[in-house]
């Protein structure tokens, strides 16, 4: 049987890979739909805001 710590690490890694893949797909779709990279600035702002929320959540707890 696999230890729970290994399963948790695999779960976190899978979530990270899914998030990165989803971001890449979103970037590609934005570039294809808009025909330029101008929309990427807004997408980067959304990701930065999302990162700040997560960082604050971990800093101050639930």
N, C-alpha and C. Protein backbone atom coordinates (compact mmCIF):
# COMPACT_ATOMS: atom_id res chain seq x y z
N UNK A 1 0.84 -1.18 0.00
CA UNK A 1 0.00 0.00 0.00
C UNK A 1 0.88 1.25 0.00
N UNK A 2 0.45 2.25 -0.70
CA UNK A 2 1.21 3.50 -0.81
C UNK A 2 0.91 4.38 0.39
N UNK A 3 1.95 5.06 0.86
CA UNK A 3 1.77 5.94 2.01
C UNK A 3 0.91 7.14 1.64
N UNK A 4 0.14 7.64 2.61
CA UNK A 4 -0.72 8.80 2.34
C UNK A 4 0.05 10.04 1.89
N UNK A 5 1.26 10.23 2.41
CA UNK A 5 2.05 11.40 2.02
C UNK A 5 2.39 11.37 0.53
N UNK A 6 2.66 10.17 0.02
CA UNK A 6 2.97 10.03 -1.41
C UNK A 6 1.72 10.33 -2.24
N UNK A 7 0.58 9.86 -1.79
CA UNK A 7 -0.66 10.13 -2.51
C UNK A 7 -0.99 11.62 -2.52
N UNK A 8 -0.76 12.29 -1.41
CA UNK A 8 -1.01 13.73 -1.33
C UNK A 8 -0.07 14.48 -2.27
N UNK A 9 1.21 14.07 -2.28
CA UNK A 9 2.18 14.70 -3.18
C UNK A 9 1.79 14.50 -4.64
N UNK A 10 1.34 13.31 -4.98
CA UNK A 10 0.90 13.03 -6.36
C UNK A 10 -0.34 13.86 -6.72
N UNK A 11 -1.24 14.01 -5.78
CA UNK A 11 -2.44 14.81 -6.01
C UNK A 11 -2.09 16.27 -6.25
N UNK A 12 -1.18 16.80 -5.44
CA UNK A 12 -0.75 18.20 -5.61
C UNK A 12 -0.05 18.37 -6.95
N UNK A 13 0.80 17.42 -7.32
CA UNK A 13 1.49 17.49 -8.61
C UNK A 13 0.50 17.43 -9.76
N UNK A 14 -0.50 16.57 -9.66
CA UNK A 14 -1.50 16.46 -10.71
C UNK A 14 -2.30 17.74 -10.85
N UNK A 15 -2.66 18.36 -9.73
CA UNK A 15 -3.40 19.63 -9.78
C UNK A 15 -2.55 20.72 -10.41
N UNK A 16 -1.26 20.75 -10.08
CA UNK A 16 -0.37 21.75 -10.65
C UNK A 16 -0.24 21.56 -12.16
N UNK A 17 -0.07 20.33 -12.59
CA UNK A 17 0.04 20.05 -14.03
C UNK A 17 -1.26 20.42 -14.74
N UNK A 18 -2.40 20.11 -14.13
CA UNK A 18 -3.68 20.48 -14.73
C UNK A 18 -3.82 21.99 -14.85
N UNK A 19 -3.42 22.73 -13.80
CA UNK A 19 -3.52 24.19 -13.81
C UNK A 19 -2.63 24.79 -14.90
N UNK A 20 -1.40 24.31 -14.99
CA UNK A 20 -0.47 24.82 -16.01
C UNK A 20 -1.00 24.52 -17.40
N UNK A 21 -1.49 23.32 -17.61
CA UNK A 21 -2.04 22.94 -18.92
C UNK A 21 -3.25 23.80 -19.26
N UNK A 22 -4.13 24.03 -18.29
CA UNK A 22 -5.31 24.86 -18.53
C UNK A 22 -4.90 26.29 -18.88
N UNK A 23 -3.88 26.81 -18.22
CA UNK A 23 -3.40 28.16 -18.53
C UNK A 23 -2.84 28.23 -19.95
N UNK A 24 -2.06 27.22 -20.33
CA UNK A 24 -1.49 27.22 -21.68
C UNK A 24 -2.58 27.13 -22.75
N UNK A 25 -3.56 26.29 -22.51
CA UNK A 25 -4.67 26.17 -23.47
C UNK A 25 -5.43 27.48 -23.56
N UNK A 26 -5.65 28.14 -22.42
CA UNK A 26 -6.35 29.42 -22.42
C UNK A 26 -5.57 30.47 -23.19
N UNK A 27 -4.26 30.50 -23.00
CA UNK A 27 -3.42 31.45 -23.73
C UNK A 27 -3.51 31.20 -25.22
N UNK A 28 -3.43 29.96 -25.63
CA UNK A 28 -3.51 29.62 -27.06
C UNK A 28 -4.87 30.03 -27.62
N UNK A 29 -5.94 29.77 -26.89
CA UNK A 29 -7.28 30.14 -27.36
C UNK A 29 -7.42 31.65 -27.47
N UNK A 30 -6.89 32.39 -26.50
CA UNK A 30 -6.96 33.86 -26.55
C UNK A 30 -6.25 34.38 -27.79
N UNK A 31 -5.07 33.84 -28.06
CA UNK A 31 -4.30 34.30 -29.22
C UNK A 31 -5.02 33.95 -30.51
N UNK A 32 -5.60 32.76 -30.60
CA UNK A 32 -6.29 32.35 -31.83
C UNK A 32 -7.56 33.18 -32.03
N UNK A 33 -8.34 33.37 -30.97
CA UNK A 33 -9.62 34.07 -31.11
C UNK A 33 -9.42 35.55 -31.40
N UNK A 34 -8.52 36.19 -30.65
CA UNK A 34 -8.34 37.63 -30.83
C UNK A 34 -7.39 37.97 -31.97
N UNK A 35 -6.55 37.02 -32.36
CA UNK A 35 -5.60 37.28 -33.43
C UNK A 35 -4.40 38.10 -32.99
N UNK A 36 -4.31 38.37 -31.70
CA UNK A 36 -3.16 39.13 -31.19
C UNK A 36 -2.88 38.70 -29.76
N UNK A 37 -1.82 39.27 -29.22
CA UNK A 37 -1.47 38.92 -27.84
C UNK A 37 -1.94 39.99 -26.86
N UNK A 38 -2.78 40.92 -27.31
CA UNK A 38 -3.25 42.00 -26.43
C UNK A 38 -4.09 41.46 -25.28
N UNK A 39 -4.88 40.42 -25.53
CA UNK A 39 -5.72 39.86 -24.48
C UNK A 39 -4.94 39.15 -23.39
N UNK A 40 -3.67 38.85 -23.68
CA UNK A 40 -2.87 38.13 -22.69
C UNK A 40 -2.56 39.00 -21.48
N UNK A 41 -2.54 40.32 -21.69
CA UNK A 41 -2.29 41.21 -20.57
C UNK A 41 -3.39 41.08 -19.52
N UNK A 42 -4.63 41.05 -19.99
CA UNK A 42 -5.75 40.89 -19.05
C UNK A 42 -5.71 39.52 -18.37
N UNK A 43 -5.36 38.50 -19.14
CA UNK A 43 -5.27 37.16 -18.58
C UNK A 43 -4.17 37.10 -17.52
N UNK A 44 -3.05 37.78 -17.77
CA UNK A 44 -1.96 37.81 -16.79
C UNK A 44 -2.40 38.53 -15.52
N UNK A 45 -3.21 39.57 -15.67
CA UNK A 45 -3.72 40.28 -14.49
C UNK A 45 -4.62 39.38 -13.66
N UNK A 46 -5.45 38.59 -14.33
CA UNK A 46 -6.34 37.66 -13.62
C UNK A 46 -5.51 36.62 -12.87
N UNK A 47 -4.48 36.08 -13.53
CA UNK A 47 -3.63 35.08 -12.87
C UNK A 47 -2.89 35.69 -11.68
N UNK A 48 -2.42 36.92 -11.82
CA UNK A 48 -1.72 37.57 -10.72
C UNK A 48 -2.66 37.79 -9.53
N UNK A 49 -3.88 38.21 -9.81
CA UNK A 49 -4.87 38.40 -8.74
C UNK A 49 -5.19 37.07 -8.07
N UNK A 50 -5.32 36.03 -8.85
CA UNK A 50 -5.59 34.70 -8.32
C UNK A 50 -4.44 34.26 -7.41
N UNK A 51 -3.21 34.51 -7.83
CA UNK A 51 -2.04 34.17 -7.02
C UNK A 51 -2.01 34.93 -5.71
N UNK A 52 -2.40 36.21 -5.76
CA UNK A 52 -2.43 37.01 -4.53
C UNK A 52 -3.46 36.47 -3.55
N UNK A 53 -4.62 36.08 -4.06
CA UNK A 53 -5.67 35.53 -3.19
C UNK A 53 -5.19 34.25 -2.53
N UNK A 54 -4.56 33.37 -3.31
CA UNK A 54 -4.07 32.11 -2.75
C UNK A 54 -2.99 32.37 -1.71
N UNK A 55 -2.08 33.29 -2.01
CA UNK A 55 -1.00 33.60 -1.07
C UNK A 55 -1.56 34.15 0.25
N UNK A 56 -2.53 35.04 0.16
CA UNK A 56 -3.13 35.59 1.38
C UNK A 56 -3.87 34.52 2.16
N UNK A 57 -4.53 33.63 1.44
CA UNK A 57 -5.27 32.56 2.11
C UNK A 57 -4.33 31.66 2.90
N UNK A 58 -3.17 31.31 2.31
CA UNK A 58 -2.23 30.47 3.02
C UNK A 58 -1.51 31.22 4.13
N UNK A 59 -1.35 32.53 3.95
CA UNK A 59 -0.64 33.31 4.96
C UNK A 59 -1.50 33.46 6.22
N UNK A 60 -2.79 33.75 6.04
CA UNK A 60 -3.66 34.03 7.17
C UNK A 60 -4.57 32.86 7.54
N UNK A 61 -4.47 31.78 6.83
CA UNK A 61 -5.27 30.60 7.13
C UNK A 61 -6.68 30.71 6.57
N UNK A 62 -7.50 29.76 6.97
CA UNK A 62 -8.87 29.73 6.45
C UNK A 62 -9.65 30.80 7.14
